[in-house]
PDB file of N, CA and C in Angstrom:
ATOM      1  N   MET A   1      20.561 -26.636 -19.989  1.00  0.00           N
ATOM      2  CA  MET A   1      19.122 -26.728 -19.810  1.00  0.00           C
ATOM      3  C   MET A   1      18.524 -25.347 -20.027  1.00  0.00           C
ATOM      4  N   GLU A   2      17.502 -25.285 -20.815  1.00  0.00           N
ATOM      5  CA  GLU A   2      16.859 -24.018 -21.142  1.00  0.00           C
ATOM      6  C   GLU A   2      15.744 -23.722 -20.148  1.00  0.00           C
ATOM      7  N   MET A   3      15.696 -22.483 -19.650  1.00  0.00           N
ATOM      8  CA  MET A   3      14.664 -22.067 -18.696  1.00  0.00           C
ATOM      9  C   MET A   3      13.481 -21.529 -19.493  1.00  0.00           C
ATOM     10  N   THR A   4      12.299 -22.041 -19.234  1.00  0.00           N
ATOM     11  CA  THR A   4      11.106 -21.555 -19.920  1.00  0.00           C
ATOM     12  C   THR A   4      10.378 -20.581 -19.020  1.00  0.00           C
ATOM     13  N   ASN A   5       9.355 -19.947 -19.542  1.00  0.00           N
ATOM     14  CA  ASN A   5       8.550 -19.003 -18.767  1.00  0.00           C
ATOM     15  C   ASN A   5       7.917 -19.680 -17.559  1.00  0.00           C
ATOM     16  N   GLY A   6       7.638 -20.974 -17.649  1.00  0.00           N
ATOM     17  CA  GLY A   6       7.062 -21.695 -16.524  1.00  0.00           C
ATOM     18  C   GLY A   6       7.960 -21.647 -15.305  1.00  0.00           C
ATOM     19  N   GLY A   7       9.285 -21.664 -15.515  1.00  0.00           N
ATOM     20  CA  GLY A   7      10.229 -21.551 -14.412  1.00  0.00           C
ATOM     21  C   GLY A   7      10.133 -20.197 -13.748  1.00  0.00           C
ATOM     22  N   GLY A   8       9.936 -19.157 -14.544  1.00  0.00           N
ATOM     23  CA  GLY A   8       9.781 -17.809 -13.991  1.00  0.00           C
ATOM     24  C   GLY A   8       8.517 -17.692 -13.166  1.00  0.00           C
ATOM     25  N   LEU A   9       7.463 -18.322 -13.628  1.00  0.00           N
ATOM     26  CA  LEU A   9       6.210 -18.305 -12.874  1.00  0.00           C
ATOM     27  C   LEU A   9       6.368 -19.051 -11.562  1.00  0.00           C
ATOM     28  N   PHE A  10       7.087 -20.170 -11.599  1.00  0.00           N
ATOM     29  CA  PHE A  10       7.331 -20.928 -10.373  1.00  0.00           C
ATOM     30  C   PHE A  10       8.112 -20.087  -9.372  1.00  0.00           C
ATOM     31  N   ALA A  11       9.122 -19.393  -9.841  1.00  0.00           N
ATOM     32  CA  ALA A  11       9.942 -18.549  -8.957  1.00  0.00           C
ATOM     33  C   ALA A  11       9.102 -17.446  -8.339  1.00  0.00           C
ATOM     34  N   LYS A  12       8.235 -16.823  -9.133  1.00  0.00           N
ATOM     35  CA  LYS A  12       7.362 -15.768  -8.611  1.00  0.00           C
ATOM     36  C   LYS A  12       6.406 -16.334  -7.566  1.00  0.00           C
ATOM     37  N   ALA A  13       5.847 -17.508  -7.831  1.00  0.00           N
ATOM     38  CA  ALA A  13       4.932 -18.133  -6.875  1.00  0.00           C
ATOM     39  C   ALA A  13       5.660 -18.485  -5.587  1.00  0.00           C
ATOM     40  N   LEU A  14       6.902 -18.949  -5.705  1.00  0.00           N
ATOM     41  CA  LEU A  14       7.685 -19.290  -4.528  1.00  0.00           C
ATOM     42  C   LEU A  14       7.977 -18.053  -3.685  1.00  0.00           C
ATOM     43  N   VAL A  15       8.336 -16.949  -4.331  1.00  0.00           N
ATOM     44  CA  VAL A  15       8.603 -15.699  -3.612  1.00  0.00           C
ATOM     45  C   VAL A  15       7.334 -15.217  -2.919  1.00  0.00           C
ATOM     46  N   LEU A  16       6.196 -15.273  -3.600  1.00  0.00           N
ATOM     47  CA  LEU A  16       4.926 -14.858  -3.008  1.00  0.00           C
ATOM     48  C   LEU A  16       4.575 -15.737  -1.808  1.00  0.00           C
ATOM     49  N   ALA A  17       4.773 -17.037  -1.924  1.00  0.00           N
ATOM     50  CA  ALA A  17       4.474 -17.938  -0.813  1.00  0.00           C
ATOM     51  C   ALA A  17       5.364 -17.633   0.383  1.00  0.00           C
ATOM     52  N   MET A  18       6.642 -17.385   0.140  1.00  0.00           N
ATOM     53  CA  MET A  18       7.554 -17.053   1.231  1.00  0.00           C
ATOM     54  C   MET A  18       7.177 -15.728   1.874  1.00  0.00           C
ATOM     55  N   ALA A  19       6.769 -14.752   1.070  1.00  0.00           N
ATOM     56  CA  ALA A  19       6.347 -13.454   1.609  1.00  0.00           C
ATOM     57  C   ALA A  19       5.098 -13.609   2.464  1.00  0.00           C
ATOM     58  N   THR A  20       4.183 -14.459   2.034  1.00  0.00           N
ATOM     59  CA  THR A  20       2.954 -14.682   2.796  1.00  0.00           C
ATOM     60  C   THR A  20       3.269 -15.295   4.152  1.00  0.00           C
ATOM     61  N   VAL A  21       4.145 -16.267   4.194  1.00  0.00           N
ATOM     62  CA  VAL A  21       4.532 -16.885   5.461  1.00  0.00           C
ATOM     63  C   VAL A  21       5.193 -15.853   6.358  1.00  0.00           C
ATOM     64  N   THR A  22       6.068 -15.051   5.786  1.00  0.00           N
ATOM     65  CA  THR A  22       6.757 -14.020   6.558  1.00  0.00           C
ATOM     66  C   THR A  22       5.775 -13.003   7.102  1.00  0.00           C
ATOM     67  N   VAL A  23       4.850 -12.533   6.282  1.00  0.00           N
ATOM     68  CA  VAL A  23       3.877 -11.526   6.709  1.00  0.00           C
ATOM     69  C   VAL A  23       2.954 -12.086   7.778  1.00  0.00           C
ATOM     70  N   ASN A  24       2.513 -13.328   7.630  1.00  0.00           N
ATOM     71  CA  ASN A  24       1.583 -13.913   8.599  1.00  0.00           C
ATOM     72  C   ASN A  24       2.227 -14.152   9.951  1.00  0.00           C
ATOM     73  N   GLY A  25       3.497 -14.403  10.005  1.00  0.00           N
ATOM     74  CA  GLY A  25       4.136 -14.697  11.265  1.00  0.00           C
ATOM     75  C   GLY A  25       4.865 -13.520  11.878  1.00  0.00           C
ATOM     76  N   CYS A  26       4.823 -12.384  11.224  1.00  0.00           N
ATOM     77  CA  CYS A  26       5.616 -11.239  11.649  1.00  0.00           C
ATOM     78  C   CYS A  26       4.760 -10.284  12.490  1.00  0.00           C
ATOM     79  N   THR A  27       5.274  -9.898  13.629  1.00  0.00           N
ATOM     80  CA  THR A  27       4.579  -8.914  14.450  1.00  0.00           C
ATOM     81  C   THR A  27       5.488  -7.713  14.665  1.00  0.00           C
ATOM     82  N   TRP A  28       4.920  -6.523  14.508  1.00  0.00           N
ATOM     83  CA  TRP A  28       5.694  -5.297  14.613  1.00  0.00           C
ATOM     84  C   TRP A  28       5.411  -4.539  15.907  1.00  0.00           C
ATOM     85  N   VAL A  29       4.362  -4.879  16.607  1.00  0.00           N
ATOM     86  CA  VAL A  29       3.974  -4.152  17.811  1.00  0.00           C
ATOM     87  C   VAL A  29       4.641  -4.782  19.026  1.00  0.00           C
ATOM     88  N   LYS A  30       5.382  -3.984  19.735  1.00  0.00           N
ATOM     89  CA  LYS A  30       6.056  -4.455  20.945  1.00  0.00           C
ATOM     90  C   LYS A  30       5.254  -4.021  22.170  1.00  0.00           C
ATOM     91  N   LEU A  31       5.196  -4.897  23.154  1.00  0.00           N
ATOM     92  CA  LEU A  31       4.533  -4.590  24.414  1.00  0.00           C
ATOM     93  C   LEU A  31       5.481  -3.756  25.269  1.00  0.00           C
ATOM     94  N   LYS A  32       4.984  -2.616  25.756  1.00  0.00           N
ATOM     95  CA  LYS A  32       5.793  -1.793  26.653  1.00  0.00           C
ATOM     96  C   LYS A  32       6.059  -2.581  27.928  1.00  0.00           C
ATOM     97  N   PRO A  33       7.247  -2.439  28.508  1.00  0.00           N
ATOM     98  CA  PRO A  33       7.524  -3.154  29.762  1.00  0.00           C
ATOM     99  C   PRO A  33       6.492  -2.853  30.845  1.00  0.00           C
ATOM    100  N   THR A  34       5.986  -1.629  30.878  1.00  0.00           N
ATOM    101  CA  THR A  34       4.997  -1.258  31.897  1.00  0.00           C
ATOM    102  C   THR A  34       3.632  -1.883  31.640  1.00  0.00           C
ATOM    103  N   ALA A  35       3.423  -2.444  30.448  1.00  0.00           N
ATOM    104  CA  ALA A  35       2.136  -3.061  30.112  1.00  0.00           C
ATOM    105  C   ALA A  35       2.137  -4.567  30.335  1.00  0.00           C
ATOM    106  N   ALA A  36       3.244  -5.107  30.796  1.00  0.00           N
ATOM    107  CA  ALA A  36       3.360  -6.559  30.963  1.00  0.00           C
ATOM    108  C   ALA A  36       2.336  -7.122  31.947  1.00  0.00           C
ATOM    109  N   ASP A  37       1.926  -6.331  32.934  1.00  0.00           N
ATOM    110  CA  ASP A  37       0.969  -6.810  33.943  1.00  0.00           C
ATOM    111  C   ASP A  37      -0.491  -6.521  33.586  1.00  0.00           C
ATOM    112  N   ILE A  38      -0.731  -5.875  32.457  1.00  0.00           N
ATOM    113  CA  ILE A  38      -2.113  -5.591  32.031  1.00  0.00           C
ATOM    114  C   ILE A  38      -2.755  -6.903  31.582  1.00  0.00           C
ATOM    115  N   VAL A  39      -3.940  -7.187  32.105  1.00  0.00           N
ATOM    116  CA  VAL A  39      -4.656  -8.423  31.814  1.00  0.00           C
ATOM    117  C   VAL A  39      -5.642  -8.207  30.679  1.00  0.00           C
ATOM    118  N   VAL A  40      -5.725  -9.192  29.777  1.00  0.00           N
ATOM    119  CA  VAL A  40      -6.772  -9.208  28.752  1.00  0.00           C
ATOM    120  C   VAL A  40      -7.836 -10.173  29.266  1.00  0.00           C
ATOM    121  N   ALA A  41      -9.036  -9.642  29.524  1.00  0.00           N
ATOM    122  CA  ALA A  41     -10.089 -10.449  30.150  1.00  0.00           C
ATOM    123  C   ALA A  41     -11.357 -10.424  29.296  1.00  0.00           C
ATOM    124  N   ARG A  42     -12.355 -11.142  29.765  1.00  0.00           N
ATOM    125  CA  ARG A  42     -13.679 -11.118  29.135  1.00  0.00           C
ATOM    126  C   ARG A  42     -14.611 -10.301  30.012  1.00  0.00           C
ATOM    127  N   GLU A  43     -15.706  -9.855  29.448  1.00  0.00           N
ATOM    128  CA  GLU A  43     -16.649  -8.968  30.125  1.00  0.00           C
ATOM    129  C   GLU A  43     -17.130  -9.522  31.470  1.00  0.00           C
ATOM    130  N   GLU A  44     -17.378 -10.821  31.532  1.00  0.00           N
ATOM    131  CA  GLU A  44     -17.894 -11.395  32.789  1.00  0.00           C
ATOM    132  C   GLU A  44     -16.866 -11.366  33.921  1.00  0.00           C
ATOM    133  N   HIS A  45     -15.606 -11.101  33.601  1.00  0.00           N
ATOM    134  CA  HIS A  45     -14.564 -11.064  34.629  1.00  0.00           C
ATOM    135  C   HIS A  45     -14.345  -9.675  35.224  1.00  0.00           C
ATOM    136  N   VAL A  46     -15.034  -8.674  34.720  1.00  0.00           N
ATOM    137  CA  VAL A  46     -14.795  -7.301  35.195  1.00  0.00           C
ATOM    138  C   VAL A  46     -16.030  -6.687  35.851  1.00  0.00           C
ATOM    139  N   GLN A  47     -16.931  -7.509  36.309  1.00  0.00           N
ATOM    140  CA  GLN A  47     -18.176  -7.018  36.913  1.00  0.00           C
ATOM    141  C   GLN A  47     -17.932  -6.150  38.144  1.00  0.00           C
ATOM    142  N   ASN A  48     -16.881  -6.416  38.891  1.00  0.00           N
ATOM    143  CA  ASN A  48     -16.595  -5.664  40.116  1.00  0.00           C
ATOM    144  C   ASN A  48     -15.456  -4.666  39.924  1.00  0.00           C
ATOM    145  N   CYS A  49     -15.178  -4.325  38.694  1.00  0.00           N
ATOM    146  CA  CYS A  49     -14.083  -3.403  38.379  1.00  0.00           C
ATOM    147  C   CYS A  49     -14.636  -2.033  37.992  1.00  0.00           C
ATOM    148  N   LYS A  50     -13.781  -1.032  38.045  1.00  0.00           N
ATOM    149  CA  LYS A  50     -14.169   0.316  37.652  1.00  0.00           C
ATOM    150  C   LYS A  50     -13.722   0.563  36.210  1.00  0.00           C
ATOM    151  N   ARG A  51     -14.680   0.914  35.351  1.00  0.00           N
ATOM    152  CA  ARG A  51     -14.351   1.225  33.956  1.00  0.00           C
ATOM    153  C   ARG A  51     -13.704   2.611  33.928  1.00  0.00           C
ATOM    154  N   VAL A  52     -12.534   2.696  33.301  1.00  0.00           N
ATOM    155  CA  VAL A  52     -11.817   3.969  33.266  1.00  0.00           C
ATOM    156  C   VAL A  52     -11.716   4.557  31.862  1.00  0.00           C
ATOM    157  N   GLY A  53     -12.254   3.871  30.873  1.00  0.00           N
ATOM    158  CA  GLY A  53     -12.232   4.431  29.527  1.00  0.00           C
ATOM    159  C   GLY A  53     -12.319   3.377  28.448  1.00  0.00           C
ATOM    160  N   GLN A  54     -12.135   3.851  27.217  1.00  0.00           N
ATOM    161  CA  GLN A  54     -12.159   2.984  26.049  1.00  0.00           C
ATOM    162  C   GLN A  54     -11.077   3.459  25.094  1.00  0.00           C
ATOM    163  N   THR A  55     -10.492   2.526  24.369  1.00  0.00           N
ATOM    164  CA  THR A  55      -9.501   2.874  23.364  1.00  0.00           C
ATOM    165  C   THR A  55      -9.819   2.141  22.069  1.00  0.00           C
ATOM    166  N   THR A  56      -9.519   2.777  20.963  1.00  0.00           N
ATOM    167  CA  THR A  56      -9.611   2.141  19.660  1.00  0.00           C
ATOM    168  C   THR A  56      -8.189   2.016  19.135  1.00  0.00           C
ATOM    169  N   VAL A  57      -7.796   0.794  18.821  1.00  0.00           N
ATOM    170  CA  VAL A  57      -6.433   0.547  18.362  1.00  0.00           C
ATOM    171  C   VAL A  57      -6.455   0.045  16.923  1.00  0.00           C
ATOM    172  N   ARG A  58      -5.369   0.316  16.221  1.00  0.00           N
ATOM    173  CA  ARG A  58      -5.275  -0.054  14.803  1.00  0.00           C
ATOM    174  C   ARG A  58      -3.901  -0.621  14.498  1.00  0.00           C
ATOM    175  N   THR A  59      -3.891  -1.605  13.593  1.00  0.00           N
ATOM    176  CA  THR A  59      -2.642  -2.144  13.072  1.00  0.00           C
ATOM    177  C   THR A  59      -2.855  -2.502  11.607  1.00  0.00           C
ATOM    178  N   THR A  60      -1.799  -2.807  10.927  1.00  0.00           N
ATOM    179  CA  THR A  60      -1.879  -3.152   9.511  1.00  0.00           C
ATOM    180  C   THR A  60      -2.409  -4.565   9.362  1.00  0.00           C
ATOM    181  N   ASP A  61      -3.448  -4.736   8.542  1.00  0.00           N
ATOM    182  CA  ASP A  61      -3.979  -6.078   8.325  1.00  0.00           C
ATOM    183  C   ASP A  61      -3.604  -6.641   6.959  1.00  0.00           C
ATOM    184  N   MET A  62      -2.960  -5.822   6.120  1.00  0.00           N
ATOM    185  CA  MET A  62      -2.482  -6.279   4.812  1.00  0.00           C
ATOM    186  C   MET A  62      -1.130  -5.637   4.535  1.00  0.00           C
ATOM    187  N   VAL A  63      -0.259  -6.396   3.887  1.00  0.00           N
ATOM    188  CA  VAL A  63       1.032  -5.867   3.461  1.00  0.00           C
ATOM    189  C   VAL A  63       1.204  -6.223   1.998  1.00  0.00           C
ATOM    190  N   ALA A  64       1.380  -5.200   1.177  1.00  0.00           N
ATOM    191  CA  ALA A  64       1.557  -5.392  -0.274  1.00  0.00           C
ATOM    192  C   ALA A  64       0.418  -6.228  -0.858  1.00  0.00           C
ATOM    193  N   GLY A  65      -0.797  -5.992  -0.376  1.00  0.00           N
ATOM    194  CA  GLY A  65      -1.964  -6.691  -0.893  1.00  0.00           C
ATOM    195  C   GLY A  65      -2.152  -8.101  -0.344  1.00  0.00           C
ATOM    196  N   VAL A  66      -1.268  -8.518   0.554  1.00  0.00           N
ATOM    197  CA  VAL A  66      -1.357  -9.853   1.143  1.00  0.00           C
ATOM    198  C   VAL A  66      -1.925  -9.725   2.552  1.00  0.00           C
ATOM    199  N   PRO A  67      -3.054 -10.411   2.837  1.00  0.00           N
ATOM    200  CA  PRO A  67      -3.624 -10.335   4.185  1.00  0.00           C
ATOM    201  C   PRO A  67      -2.667 -10.943   5.212  1.00  0.00           C
ATOM    202  N   ARG A  68      -2.547 -10.272   6.348  1.00  0.00           N
ATOM    203  CA  ARG A  68      -1.750 -10.812   7.453  1.00  0.00           C
ATOM    204  C   ARG A  68      -2.606 -11.820   8.208  1.00  0.00           C
ATOM    205  N   GLY A  69      -1.990 -12.697   8.928  1.00  0.00           N
ATOM    206  CA  GLY A  69      -2.711 -13.722   9.690  1.00  0.00           C
ATOM    207  C   GLY A  69      -3.611 -13.101  10.748  1.00  0.00           C
ATOM    208  N   ALA A  70      -4.811 -13.633  10.889  1.00  0.00           N
ATOM    209  CA  ALA A  70      -5.773 -13.102  11.862  1.00  0.00           C
ATOM    210  C   ALA A  70      -5.222 -13.184  13.275  1.00  0.00           C
ATOM    211  N   GLY A  71      -4.504 -14.246  13.596  1.00  0.00           N
ATOM    212  CA  GLY A  71      -3.928 -14.389  14.927  1.00  0.00           C
ATOM    213  C   GLY A  71      -2.883 -13.324  15.219  1.00  0.00           C
ATOM    214  N   THR A  72      -2.058 -13.036  14.225  1.00  0.00           N
ATOM    215  CA  THR A  72      -1.024 -12.012  14.382  1.00  0.00           C
ATOM    216  C   THR A  72      -1.657 -10.646  14.576  1.00  0.00           C
ATOM    217  N   VAL A  73      -2.667 -10.336  13.770  1.00  0.00           N
ATOM    218  CA  VAL A  73      -3.354  -9.044  13.877  1.00  0.00           C
ATOM    219  C   VAL A  73      -4.027  -8.921  15.241  1.00  0.00           C
ATOM    220  N   SER A  74      -4.719  -9.958  15.686  1.00  0.00           N
ATOM    221  CA  SER A  74      -5.388  -9.926  16.999  1.00  0.00           C
ATOM    222  C   SER A  74      -4.381  -9.745  18.129  1.00  0.00           C
ATOM    223  N   GLU A  75      -3.255 -10.432  18.023  1.00  0.00           N
ATOM    224  CA  GLU A  75      -2.212 -10.315  19.039  1.00  0.00           C
ATOM    225  C   GLU A  75      -1.686  -8.880  19.099  1.00  0.00           C
ATOM    226  N   GLU A  76      -1.473  -8.268  17.942  1.00  0.00           N
ATOM    227  CA  GLU A  76      -0.997  -6.882  17.918  1.00  0.00           C
ATOM    228  C   GLU A  76      -2.032  -5.924  18.485  1.00  0.00           C
ATOM    229  N   LEU A  77      -3.306  -6.142  18.168  1.00  0.00           N
ATOM    230  CA  LEU A  77      -4.363  -5.276  18.696  1.00  0.00           C
ATOM    231  C   LEU A  77      -4.420  -5.371  20.222  1.00  0.00           C
ATOM    232  N   GLU A  78      -4.285  -6.566  20.749  1.00  0.00           N
ATOM    233  CA  GLU A  78      -4.273  -6.726  22.213  1.00  0.00           C
ATOM    234  C   GLU A  78      -3.067  -6.031  22.829  1.00  0.00           C
ATOM    235  N   ARG A  79      -1.914  -6.141  22.185  1.00  0.00           N
ATOM    236  CA  ARG A  79      -0.720  -5.455  22.702  1.00  0.00           C
ATOM    237  C   ARG A  79      -0.920  -3.943  22.700  1.00  0.00           C
ATOM    238  N   LEU A  80      -1.485  -3.429  21.618  1.00  0.00           N
ATOM    239  CA  LEU A  80      -1.743  -1.986  21.547  1.00  0.00           C
ATOM    240  C   LEU A  80      -2.717  -1.548  22.634  1.00  0.00           C
ATOM    241  N   ALA A  81      -3.753  -2.359  22.889  1.00  0.00           N
ATOM    242  CA  ALA A  81      -4.726  -2.035  23.936  1.00  0.00           C
ATOM    243  C   ALA A  81      -4.061  -2.069  25.311  1.00  0.00           C
ATOM    244  N   ARG A  82      -3.206  -3.040  25.545  1.00  0.00           N
ATOM    245  CA  ARG A  82      -2.492  -3.121  26.824  1.00  0.00           C
ATOM    246  C   ARG A  82      -1.568  -1.922  26.998  1.00  0.00           C
ATOM    247  N   ASN A  83      -0.894  -1.515  25.913  1.00  0.00           N
ATOM    248  CA  ASN A  83      -0.040  -0.322  25.970  1.00  0.00           C
ATOM    249  C   ASN A  83      -0.868   0.919  26.298  1.00  0.00           C
ATOM    250  N   ALA A  84      -2.061   1.038  25.690  1.00  0.00           N
ATOM    251  CA  ALA A  84      -2.938   2.185  25.945  1.00  0.00           C
ATOM    252  C   ALA A  84      -3.463   2.173  27.381  1.00  0.00           C
ATOM    253  N   ALA A  85      -3.681   0.998  27.927  1.00  0.00           N
ATOM    254  CA  ALA A  85      -4.199   0.884  29.295  1.00  0.00           C
ATOM    255  C   ALA A  85      -3.238   1.488  30.311  1.00  0.00           C
ATOM    256  N   VAL A  86      -1.964   1.399  30.043  1.00  0.00           N
ATOM    257  CA  VAL A  86      -0.972   1.995  30.951  1.00  0.00           C
ATOM    258  C   VAL A  86      -1.227   3.486  31.083  1.00  0.00           C
ATOM    259  N   GLU A  87      -1.469   4.153  29.963  1.00  0.00           N
ATOM    260  CA  GLU A  87      -1.701   5.603  29.953  1.00  0.00           C
ATOM    261  C   GLU A  87      -2.991   5.974  30.677  1.00  0.00           C
ATOM    262  N   ALA A  88      -3.971   5.065  30.699  1.00  0.00           N
ATOM    263  CA  ALA A  88      -5.266   5.329  31.339  1.00  0.00           C
ATOM    264  C   ALA A  88      -5.292   4.875  32.793  1.00  0.00           C
ATOM    265  N   ASP A  89      -4.165   4.391  33.297  1.00  0.00           N
ATOM    266  CA  ASP A  89      -4.071   3.867  34.655  1.00  0.00           C
ATOM    267  C   ASP A  89      -5.047   2.712  34.866  1.00  0.00           C
ATOM    268  N   ALA A  90      -5.188   1.879  33.836  1.00  0.00           N
ATOM    269  CA  ALA A  90      -6.032   0.681  33.910  1.00  0.00           C
ATOM    270  C   ALA A  90      -5.130  -0.529  34.105  1.00  0.00           C
ATOM    271  N   ASP A  91      -5.719  -1.620  34.586  1.00  0.00           N
ATOM    272  CA  ASP A  91      -4.937  -2.844  34.736  1.00  0.00           C
ATOM    273  C   ASP A  91      -5.534  -4.017  33.965  1.00  0.00           C
ATOM    274  N   THR A  92      -6.673  -3.766  33.290  1.00  0.00           N
ATOM    275  CA  THR A  92      -7.372  -4.822  32.556  1.00  0.00           C
ATOM    276  C   THR A  92      -8.012  -4.226  31.312  1.00  0.00           C
ATOM    277  N   VAL A  93      -7.984  -4.986  30.200  1.00  0.00           N
ATOM    278  CA  VAL A  93      -8.678  -4.572  28.980  1.00  0.00           C
ATOM    279  C   VAL A  93      -9.619  -5.691  28.548  1.00  0.00           C
ATOM    280  N   VAL A  94     -10.737  -5.283  27.963  1.00  0.00           N
ATOM    281  CA  VAL A  94     -11.739  -6.224  27.465  1.00  0.00           C
ATOM    282  C   VAL A  94     -12.135  -5.767  26.064  1.00  0.00           C
ATOM    283  N   ALA A  95     -12.096  -6.684  25.110  1.00  0.00           N
ATOM    284  CA  ALA A  95     -12.507  -6.349  23.741  1.00  0.00           C
ATOM    285  C   ALA A  95     -13.974  -5.941  23.734  1.00  0.00           C
ATOM    286  N   ALA A  96     -14.261  -4.779  23.136  1.00  0.00           N
ATOM    287  CA  ALA A  96     -15.633  -4.285  23.046  1.00  0.00           C
ATOM    288  C   ALA A  96     -16.309  -4.777  21.774  1.00  0.00           C
ATOM    289  N   ASP A  97     -15.508  -5.201  20.805  1.00  0.00           N
ATOM    290  CA  ASP A  97     -16.034  -5.754  19.562  1.00  0.00           C
ATOM    291  C   ASP A  97     -14.956  -6.623  18.933  1.00  0.00           C
ATOM    292  N   LYS A  98     -15.261  -7.201  17.785  1.00  0.00           N
ATOM    293  CA  LYS A  98     -14.300  -8.060  17.091  1.00  0.00           C
ATOM    294  C   LYS A  98     -13.398  -7.206  16.204  1.00  0.00           C
ATOM    295  N   PRO A  99     -12.194  -7.691  15.903  1.00  0.00           N
ATOM    296  CA  PRO A  99     -11.320  -6.949  14.986  1.00  0.00           C
ATOM    297  C   PRO A  99     -11.988  -6.795  13.617  1.00  0.00           C
ATOM    298  N   TRP A 100     -11.803  -5.615  13.026  1.00  0.00           N
ATOM    299  CA  TRP A 100     -12.375  -5.346  11.714  1.00  0.00           C
ATOM    300  C   TRP A 100     -11.386  -4.485  10.931  1.00  0.00           C
ATOM    301  N   TRP A 101     -10.839  -5.037   9.866  1.00  0.00           N
ATOM    302  CA  TRP A 101      -9.890  -4.328   9.006  1.00  0.00           C
ATOM    303  C   TRP A 101      -8.721  -3.739   9.810  1.00  0.00           C
ATOM    304  N   GLY A 102      -8.226  -4.505  10.771  1.00  0.00           N
ATOM    305  CA  GLY A 102      -7.073  -4.070  11.546  1.00  0.00           C
ATOM    306  C   GLY A 102      -7.393  -3.081  12.646  1.00  0.00           C
ATOM    307  N   GLU A 103      -8.659  -2.969  13.025  1.00  0.00           N
ATOM    308  CA  GLU A 103      -9.073  -2.028  14.072  1.00  0.00           C
ATOM    309  C   GLU A 103      -9.961  -2.754  15.077  1.00  0.00           C
ATOM    310  N   GLN A 104      -9.853  -2.347  16.357  1.00  0.00           N
ATOM    311  CA  GLN A 104     -10.687  -2.940  17.395  1.00  0.00           C
ATOM    312  C   GLN A 104     -10.798  -1.991  18.581  1.00  0.00           C
ATOM    313  N   ARG A 105     -11.971  -1.993  19.225  1.00  0.00           N
ATOM    314  CA  ARG A 105     -12.187  -1.192  20.435  1.00  0.00           C
ATOM    315  C   ARG A 105     -12.030  -2.073  21.662  1.00  0.00           C
ATOM    316  N   PHE A 106     -11.448  -1.496  22.702  1.00  0.00           N
ATOM    317  CA  PHE A 106     -11.283  -2.178  23.987  1.00  0.00           C
ATOM    318  C   PHE A 106     -11.749  -1.259  25.100  1.00  0.00           C
ATOM    319  N   ASN A 107     -12.497  -1.819  26.071  1.00  0.00           N
ATOM    320  CA  ASN A 107     -12.821  -1.097  27.292  1.00  0.00           C
ATOM    321  C   ASN A 107     -11.676  -1.332  28.271  1.00  0.00           C
ATOM    322  N   MET A 108     -11.387  -0.306  29.058  1.00  0.00           N
ATOM    323  CA  MET A 108     -10.282  -0.388  30.021  1.00  0.00           C
ATOM    324  C   MET A 108     -10.833  -0.280  31.439  1.00  0.00           C
ATOM    325  N   TYR A 109     -10.308  -1.123  32.333  1.00  0.00           N
ATOM    326  CA  TYR A 109     -10.819  -1.214  33.706  1.00  0.00           C
ATOM    327  C   TYR A 109      -9.676  -1.171  34.714  1.00  0.00           C
ATOM    328  N   ARG A 110     -10.030  -0.746  35.929  1.00  0.00           N
ATOM    329  CA  ARG A 110      -9.136  -0.870  37.070  1.00  0.00           C
ATOM    330  C   ARG A 110      -9.794  -1.882  38.003  1.00  0.00           C
ATOM    331  N   CYS A 111      -9.181  -3.045  38.114  1.00  0.00           N
ATOM    332  CA  CYS A 111      -9.748  -4.132  38.931  1.00  0.00           C
ATOM    333  C   CYS A 111      -8.984  -4.337  40.224  1.00  0.00           C
ATOM    334  N   ARG A 112      -7.701  -4.029  40.220  1.00  0.00           N
ATOM    335  CA  ARG A 112      -6.885  -4.188  41.431  1.00  0.00           C
ATOM    336  C   ARG A 112      -6.956  -2.925  42.273  1.00  0.00           C
ATOM    337  N   PRO A 113      -6.927  -3.096  43.594  1.00  0.00           N
ATOM    338  CA  PRO A 113      -6.977  -1.900  44.470  1.00  0.00           C
ATOM    339  C   PRO A 113      -5.728  -1.041  44.343  1.00  0.00           C
TER     340      PRO A 113
END
């Protein structure tokens, strides 16, 4: 059986599709063990908390020109914010804006005594 150029195009498309699935489901940011108790909350839940700072976190939103999944990127941004909260002696983070090109700001709070 002779392989035509169409077979090569199919193989390339298959590799690209597999790479896209891999990139969308892959997360590289690990949560520090000390950040496991940091809560991700909404603004209305921190009214009685003390604001201790703000952090801007960044992660990769594209790999080899392929956009990563929005859920994966958001999850990594939250993990990065929780990791940063440990350094600020905060126990809660609240998104200050929406993710944009792999970047997001979070306010950090101390809510527990």
